[in-house]
Amino acid sequence: MGAGDKAQSLVFPRPAEKHGTWSWLRPAQGQAPWTPYELTPALPDAQFFDSPATLEDGMLRLLTEPPEQEH
């Protein structure tokens, strides 16, 4: 997960589909709904910090946008 002002985001390579909104859904405790996190595009020059990497359980979600209508 992101840090600081991006605490509700996840750095992730953006999928190729561009006609919609991508987010990461992380399971909540018990019967609570899953929590969505905004995807922050990964930079091509990745930086690895001293803290160990973590593996998160979740799902990648695409909310599609309706096609534009021609007039």
PDB file of N, CA and C in Angstrom:
ATOM      1  N   MET A   1       0.845  -1.171   0.000  1.00  0.00           N
ATOM      2  CA  MET A   1       0.000   0.000   0.000  1.00  0.00           C
ATOM      3  C   MET A   1       0.890   1.233   0.000  1.00  0.00           C
ATOM      4  N   GLY A   2       0.343   2.306  -0.489  1.00  0.00           N
ATOM      5  CA  GLY A   2       1.093   3.544  -0.537  1.00  0.00           C
ATOM      6  C   GLY A   2       1.350   4.104   0.846  1.00  0.00           C
ATOM      7  N   ALA A   3       2.205   5.103   0.915  1.00  0.00           N
ATOM      8  CA  ALA A   3       2.526   5.730   2.192  1.00  0.00           C
ATOM      9  C   ALA A   3       2.155   7.204   2.148  1.00  0.00           C
ATOM     10  N   GLY A   4       2.024   7.804   3.325  1.00  0.00           N
ATOM     11  CA  GLY A   4       1.752   9.237   3.406  1.00  0.00           C
ATOM     12  C   GLY A   4       0.423   9.610   2.811  1.00  0.00           C
ATOM     13  N   ASP A   5       0.423  10.580   1.878  1.00  0.00           N
ATOM     14  CA  ASP A   5      -0.836  11.043   1.291  1.00  0.00           C
ATOM     15  C   ASP A   5      -1.469  10.015   0.361  1.00  0.00           C
ATOM     16  N   LYS A   6      -0.768   8.954   0.048  1.00  0.00           N
ATOM     17  CA  LYS A   6      -1.303   7.917  -0.832  1.00  0.00           C
ATOM     18  C   LYS A   6      -1.650   6.662  -0.035  1.00  0.00           C
ATOM     19  N   ALA A   7      -2.048   6.818   1.227  1.00  0.00           N
ATOM     20  CA  ALA A   7      -2.347   5.672   2.089  1.00  0.00           C
ATOM     21  C   ALA A   7      -3.497   4.829   1.545  1.00  0.00           C
ATOM     22  N   GLN A   8      -4.359   5.390   0.718  1.00  0.00           N
ATOM     23  CA  GLN A   8      -5.477   4.644   0.153  1.00  0.00           C
ATOM     24  C   GLN A   8      -5.196   4.273  -1.297  1.00  0.00           C
ATOM     25  N   SER A   9      -3.931   4.083  -1.648  1.00  0.00           N
ATOM     26  CA  SER A   9      -3.587   3.710  -3.012  1.00  0.00           C
ATOM     27  C   SER A   9      -2.610   2.543  -2.990  1.00  0.00           C
ATOM     28  N   LEU A  10      -2.466   1.905  -4.129  1.00  0.00           N
ATOM     29  CA  LEU A  10      -1.576   0.773  -4.300  1.00  0.00           C
ATOM     30  C   LEU A  10      -0.769   1.016  -5.565  1.00  0.00           C
ATOM     31  N   VAL A  11       0.554   0.893  -5.485  1.00  0.00           N
ATOM     32  CA  VAL A  11       1.395   1.043  -6.670  1.00  0.00           C
ATOM     33  C   VAL A  11       1.333  -0.270  -7.424  1.00  0.00           C
ATOM     34  N   PHE A  12       0.902  -0.186  -8.692  1.00  0.00           N
ATOM     35  CA  PHE A  12       0.622  -1.388  -9.468  1.00  0.00           C
ATOM     36  C   PHE A  12       0.767  -1.039 -10.942  1.00  0.00           C
ATOM     37  N   PRO A  13       1.401  -1.897 -11.745  1.00  0.00           N
ATOM     38  CA  PRO A  13       1.438  -1.613 -13.184  1.00  0.00           C
ATOM     39  C   PRO A  13       0.011  -1.566 -13.730  1.00  0.00           C
ATOM     40  N   ARG A  14      -0.347  -0.472 -14.376  1.00  0.00           N
ATOM     41  CA  ARG A  14      -1.718  -0.302 -14.871  1.00  0.00           C
ATOM     42  C   ARG A  14      -1.990  -1.278 -16.011  1.00  0.00           C
ATOM     43  N   PRO A  15      -3.099  -2.020 -15.911  1.00  0.00           N
ATOM     44  CA  PRO A  15      -3.468  -2.933 -17.003  1.00  0.00           C
ATOM     45  C   PRO A  15      -3.711  -2.176 -18.314  1.00  0.00           C
ATOM     46  N   ALA A  16      -3.691  -2.885 -19.430  1.00  0.00           N
ATOM     47  CA  ALA A  16      -3.793  -2.265 -20.755  1.00  0.00           C
ATOM     48  C   ALA A  16      -5.152  -1.637 -21.039  1.00  0.00           C
ATOM     49  N   GLU A  17      -6.236  -2.191 -20.490  1.00  0.00           N
ATOM     50  CA  GLU A  17      -7.584  -1.654 -20.758  1.00  0.00           C
ATOM     51  C   GLU A  17      -7.687  -0.242 -20.188  1.00  0.00           C
ATOM     52  N   LYS A  18      -8.075   0.719 -21.036  1.00  0.00           N
ATOM     53  CA  LYS A  18      -8.104   2.122 -20.634  1.00  0.00           C
ATOM     54  C   LYS A  18      -9.512   2.685 -20.556  1.00  0.00           C
ATOM     55  N   HIS A  19     -10.532   1.916 -20.857  1.00  0.00           N
ATOM     56  CA  HIS A  19     -11.907   2.424 -20.889  1.00  0.00           C
ATOM     57  C   HIS A  19     -12.651   2.022 -19.619  1.00  0.00           C
ATOM     58  N   GLY A  20     -12.212   2.591 -18.514  1.00  0.00           N
ATOM     59  CA  GLY A  20     -12.822   2.289 -17.234  1.00  0.00           C
ATOM     60  C   GLY A  20     -11.909   2.717 -16.109  1.00  0.00           C
ATOM     61  N   THR A  21     -12.274   2.354 -14.894  1.00  0.00           N
ATOM     62  CA  THR A  21     -11.499   2.714 -13.717  1.00  0.00           C
ATOM     63  C   THR A  21     -11.047   1.447 -13.006  1.00  0.00           C
ATOM     64  N   TRP A  22      -9.731   1.323 -12.849  1.00  0.00           N
ATOM     65  CA  TRP A  22      -9.157   0.173 -12.172  1.00  0.00           C
ATOM     66  C   TRP A  22      -8.985   0.478 -10.696  1.00  0.00           C
ATOM     67  N   SER A  23      -9.185  -0.516  -9.861  1.00  0.00           N
ATOM     68  CA  SER A  23      -8.898  -0.388  -8.434  1.00  0.00           C
ATOM     69  C   SER A  23      -8.540  -1.767  -7.883  1.00  0.00           C
ATOM     70  N   TRP A  24      -7.983  -1.771  -6.680  1.00  0.00           N
ATOM     71  CA  TRP A  24      -7.643  -3.005  -5.990  1.00  0.00           C
ATOM     72  C   TRP A  24      -8.603  -3.163  -4.823  1.00  0.00           C
ATOM     73  N   LEU A  25      -9.229  -4.322  -4.702  1.00  0.00           N
ATOM     74  CA  LEU A  25     -10.151  -4.587  -3.600  1.00  0.00           C
ATOM     75  C   LEU A  25      -9.457  -5.485  -2.587  1.00  0.00           C
ATOM     76  N   ARG A  26      -9.450  -5.024  -1.339  1.00  0.00           N
ATOM     77  CA  ARG A  26      -8.798  -5.764  -0.273  1.00  0.00           C
ATOM     78  C   ARG A  26      -9.873  -6.255   0.688  1.00  0.00           C
ATOM     79  N   PRO A  27      -9.838  -7.539   1.091  1.00  0.00           N
ATOM     80  CA  PRO A  27     -10.876  -8.052   1.979  1.00  0.00           C
ATOM     81  C   PRO A  27     -10.830  -7.371   3.340  1.00  0.00           C
ATOM     82  N   ALA A  28     -12.002  -7.128   3.908  1.00  0.00           N
ATOM     83  CA  ALA A  28     -12.121  -6.545   5.240  1.00  0.00           C
ATOM     84  C   ALA A  28     -12.368  -7.673   6.244  1.00  0.00           C
ATOM     85  N   GLN A  29     -12.302  -7.339   7.511  1.00  0.00           N
ATOM     86  CA  GLN A  29     -12.534  -8.331   8.570  1.00  0.00           C
ATOM     87  C   GLN A  29     -14.001  -8.750   8.613  1.00  0.00           C
ATOM     88  N   GLY A  30     -14.260 -10.008   8.879  1.00  0.00           N
ATOM     89  CA  GLY A  30     -15.621 -10.506   9.050  1.00  0.00           C
ATOM     90  C   GLY A  30     -16.463 -10.356   7.796  1.00  0.00           C
ATOM     91  N   GLN A  31     -17.683  -9.879   7.962  1.00  0.00           N
ATOM     92  CA  GLN A  31     -18.630  -9.742   6.865  1.00  0.00           C
ATOM     93  C   GLN A  31     -18.633  -8.338   6.251  1.00  0.00           C
ATOM     94  N   ALA A  32     -17.703  -7.499   6.636  1.00  0.00           N
ATOM     95  CA  ALA A  32     -17.643  -6.135   6.091  1.00  0.00           C
ATOM     96  C   ALA A  32     -17.330  -6.185   4.601  1.00  0.00           C
ATOM     97  N   PRO A  33     -17.771  -5.158   3.833  1.00  0.00           N
ATOM     98  CA  PRO A  33     -17.462  -5.125   2.389  1.00  0.00           C
ATOM     99  C   PRO A  33     -15.961  -4.935   2.157  1.00  0.00           C
ATOM    100  N   TRP A  34     -15.532  -5.363   1.005  1.00  0.00           N
ATOM    101  CA  TRP A  34     -14.126  -5.206   0.642  1.00  0.00           C
ATOM    102  C   TRP A  34     -13.821  -3.723   0.469  1.00  0.00           C
ATOM    103  N   THR A  35     -12.587  -3.336   0.768  1.00  0.00           N
ATOM    104  CA  THR A  35     -12.167  -1.940   0.698  1.00  0.00           C
ATOM    105  C   THR A  35     -11.466  -1.680  -0.631  1.00  0.00           C
ATOM    106  N   PRO A  36     -11.928  -0.676  -1.424  1.00  0.00           N
ATOM    107  CA  PRO A  36     -11.247  -0.366  -2.688  1.00  0.00           C
ATOM    108  C   PRO A  36     -10.061   0.581  -2.459  1.00  0.00           C
ATOM    109  N   TYR A  37      -9.005   0.395  -3.224  1.00  0.00           N
ATOM    110  CA  TYR A  37      -7.826   1.253  -3.203  1.00  0.00           C
ATOM    111  C   TYR A  37      -7.531   1.700  -4.630  1.00  0.00           C
ATOM    112  N   GLU A  38      -7.230   2.964  -4.799  1.00  0.00           N
ATOM    113  CA  GLU A  38      -6.868   3.519  -6.105  1.00  0.00           C
ATOM    114  C   GLU A  38      -5.540   2.919  -6.541  1.00  0.00           C
ATOM    115  N   LEU A  39      -5.398   2.672  -7.849  1.00  0.00           N
ATOM    116  CA  LEU A  39      -4.118   2.203  -8.382  1.00  0.00           C
ATOM    117  C   LEU A  39      -3.266   3.406  -8.750  1.00  0.00           C
ATOM    118  N   THR A  40      -2.047   3.434  -8.255  1.00  0.00           N
ATOM    119  CA  THR A  40      -1.069   4.456  -8.609  1.00  0.00           C
ATOM    120  C   THR A  40      -0.125   3.821  -9.615  1.00  0.00           C
ATOM    121  N   PRO A  41       0.048   4.422 -10.812  1.00  0.00           N
ATOM    122  CA  PRO A  41       0.914   3.799 -11.820  1.00  0.00           C
ATOM    123  C   PRO A  41       2.329   3.563 -11.296  1.00  0.00           C
ATOM    124  N   ALA A  42       2.863   2.383 -11.556  1.00  0.00           N
ATOM    125  CA  ALA A  42       4.232   2.056 -11.174  1.00  0.00           C
ATOM    126  C   ALA A  42       5.187   2.754 -12.124  1.00  0.00           C
ATOM    127  N   LEU A  43       6.263   3.288 -11.591  1.00  0.00           N
ATOM    128  CA  LEU A  43       7.285   3.945 -12.412  1.00  0.00           C
ATOM    129  C   LEU A  43       8.213   2.900 -13.019  1.00  0.00           C
ATOM    130  N   PRO A  44       8.776   3.178 -14.198  1.00  0.00           N
ATOM    131  CA  PRO A  44       9.660   2.190 -14.830  1.00  0.00           C
ATOM    132  C   PRO A  44      10.970   1.984 -14.064  1.00  0.00           C
ATOM    133  N   ASP A  45      11.355   2.943 -13.221  1.00  0.00           N
ATOM    134  CA  ASP A  45      12.598   2.812 -12.450  1.00  0.00           C
ATOM    135  C   ASP A  45      12.254   2.498 -10.988  1.00  0.00           C
ATOM    136  N   ALA A  46      11.790   1.274 -10.749  1.00  0.00           N
ATOM    137  CA  ALA A  46      11.327   0.856  -9.426  1.00  0.00           C
ATOM    138  C   ALA A  46      12.409   1.053  -8.379  1.00  0.00           C
ATOM    139  N   GLN A  47      11.975   1.470  -7.194  1.00  0.00           N
ATOM    140  CA  GLN A  47      12.886   1.646  -6.066  1.00  0.00           C
ATOM    141  C   GLN A  47      12.487   0.651  -4.987  1.00  0.00           C
ATOM    142  N   PHE A  48      13.450  -0.055  -4.465  1.00  0.00           N
ATOM    143  CA  PHE A  48      13.192  -1.037  -3.419  1.00  0.00           C
ATOM    144  C   PHE A  48      13.734  -0.493  -2.113  1.00  0.00           C
ATOM    145  N   PHE A  49      12.859  -0.380  -1.139  1.00  0.00           N
ATOM    146  CA  PHE A  49      13.232   0.191   0.141  1.00  0.00           C
ATOM    147  C   PHE A  49      13.719  -0.911   1.079  1.00  0.00           C
ATOM    148  N   ASP A  50      14.251  -0.522   2.250  1.00  0.00           N
ATOM    149  CA  ASP A  50      14.792  -1.489   3.205  1.00  0.00           C
ATOM    150  C   ASP A  50      13.734  -2.363   3.851  1.00  0.00           C
ATOM    151  N   SER A  51      12.471  -1.912   3.852  1.00  0.00           N
ATOM    152  CA  SER A  51      11.421  -2.721   4.470  1.00  0.00           C
ATOM    153  C   SER A  51      11.089  -3.911   3.574  1.00  0.00           C
ATOM    154  N   PRO A  52      10.755  -5.048   4.178  1.00  0.00           N
ATOM    155  CA  PRO A  52      10.443  -6.231   3.361  1.00  0.00           C
ATOM    156  C   PRO A  52       9.141  -6.052   2.582  1.00  0.00           C
ATOM    157  N   ALA A  53       9.057  -6.697   1.458  1.00  0.00           N
ATOM    158  CA  ALA A  53       7.834  -6.667   0.637  1.00  0.00           C
ATOM    159  C   ALA A  53       6.752  -7.485   1.337  1.00  0.00           C
ATOM    160  N   THR A  54       5.506  -7.138   1.059  1.00  0.00           N
ATOM    161  CA  THR A  54       4.389  -7.896   1.625  1.00  0.00           C
ATOM    162  C   THR A  54       3.516  -8.423   0.491  1.00  0.00           C
ATOM    163  N   LEU A  55       2.855  -9.513   0.750  1.00  0.00           N
ATOM    164  CA  LEU A  55       1.929 -10.102  -0.203  1.00  0.00           C
ATOM    165  C   LEU A  55       0.527  -9.825   0.301  1.00  0.00           C
ATOM    166  N   GLU A  56      -0.313  -9.225  -0.531  1.00  0.00           N
ATOM    167  CA  GLU A  56      -1.674  -8.857  -0.152  1.00  0.00           C
ATOM    168  C   GLU A  56      -2.680  -9.736  -0.885  1.00  0.00           C
ATOM    169  N   ASP A  57      -3.711 -10.164  -0.180  1.00  0.00           N
ATOM    170  CA  ASP A  57      -4.811 -10.887  -0.784  1.00  0.00           C
ATOM    171  C   ASP A  57      -5.815  -9.859  -1.284  1.00  0.00           C
ATOM    172  N   GLY A  58      -6.359 -10.036  -2.472  1.00  0.00           N
ATOM    173  CA  GLY A  58      -7.325  -9.084  -2.992  1.00  0.00           C
ATOM    174  C   GLY A  58      -7.707  -9.419  -4.420  1.00  0.00           C
ATOM    175  N   MET A  59      -8.444  -8.483  -5.015  1.00  0.00           N
ATOM    176  CA  MET A  59      -8.888  -8.653  -6.405  1.00  0.00           C
ATOM    177  C   MET A  59      -8.683  -7.344  -7.165  1.00  0.00           C
ATOM    178  N   LEU A  60      -8.334  -7.475  -8.420  1.00  0.00           N
ATOM    179  CA  LEU A  60      -8.242  -6.337  -9.317  1.00  0.00           C
ATOM    180  C   LEU A  60      -9.624  -6.110  -9.911  1.00  0.00           C
ATOM    181  N   ARG A  61     -10.138  -4.866  -9.845  1.00  0.00           N
ATOM    182  CA  ARG A  61     -11.502  -4.567 -10.313  1.00  0.00           C
ATOM    183  C   ARG A  61     -11.458  -3.517 -11.423  1.00  0.00           C
ATOM    184  N   LEU A  62     -12.267  -3.728 -12.459  1.00  0.00           N
ATOM    185  CA  LEU A  62     -12.446  -2.758 -13.535  1.00  0.00           C
ATOM    186  C   LEU A  62     -13.906  -2.339 -13.566  1.00  0.00           C
ATOM    187  N   LEU A  63     -14.176  -1.052 -13.354  1.00  0.00           N
ATOM    188  CA  LEU A  63     -15.502  -0.500 -13.529  1.00  0.00           C
ATOM    189  C   LEU A  63     -15.529   0.137 -14.908  1.00  0.00           C
ATOM    190  N   THR A  64     -16.306  -0.438 -15.812  1.00  0.00           N
ATOM    191  CA  THR A  64     -16.307   0.032 -17.188  1.00  0.00           C
ATOM    192  C   THR A  64     -17.146   1.291 -17.349  1.00  0.00           C
ATOM    193  N   GLU A  65     -16.773   2.066 -18.336  1.00  0.00           N
ATOM    194  CA  GLU A  65     -17.509   3.275 -18.685  1.00  0.00           C
ATOM    195  C   GLU A  65     -18.365   2.964 -19.905  1.00  0.00           C
ATOM    196  N   PRO A  66     -19.593   3.451 -19.929  1.00  0.00           N
ATOM    197  CA  PRO A  66     -20.431   3.191 -21.109  1.00  0.00           C
ATOM    198  C   PRO A  66     -19.821   3.839 -22.357  1.00  0.00           C
ATOM    199  N   PRO A  67     -19.949   3.202 -23.511  1.00  0.00           N
ATOM    200  CA  PRO A  67     -19.401   3.799 -24.737  1.00  0.00           C
ATOM    201  C   PRO A  67     -20.094   5.116 -25.059  1.00  0.00           C
ATOM    202  N   GLU A  68     -19.319   6.036 -25.631  1.00  0.00           N
ATOM    203  CA  GLU A  68     -19.898   7.334 -26.027  1.00  0.00           C
ATOM    204  C   GLU A  68     -20.843   7.123 -27.194  1.00  0.00           C
ATOM    205  N   GLN A  69     -21.948   7.816 -27.156  1.00  0.00           N
ATOM    206  CA  GLN A  69     -22.951   7.711 -28.213  1.00  0.00           C
ATOM    207  C   GLN A  69     -22.669   8.760 -29.286  1.00  0.00           C
ATOM    208  N   GLU A  70     -22.797   8.346 -30.528  1.00  0.00           N
ATOM    209  CA  GLU A  70     -22.634   9.289 -31.643  1.00  0.00           C
ATOM    210  C   GLU A  70     -23.944  10.045 -31.864  1.00  0.00           C
ATOM    211  N   HIS A  71     -23.843  11.296 -32.202  1.00  0.00           N
ATOM    212  CA  HIS A  71     -25.044  12.119 -32.457  1.00  0.00           C
ATOM    213  C   HIS A  71     -25.277  12.278 -33.931  1.00  0.00           C
TER     214      HIS A  71
END
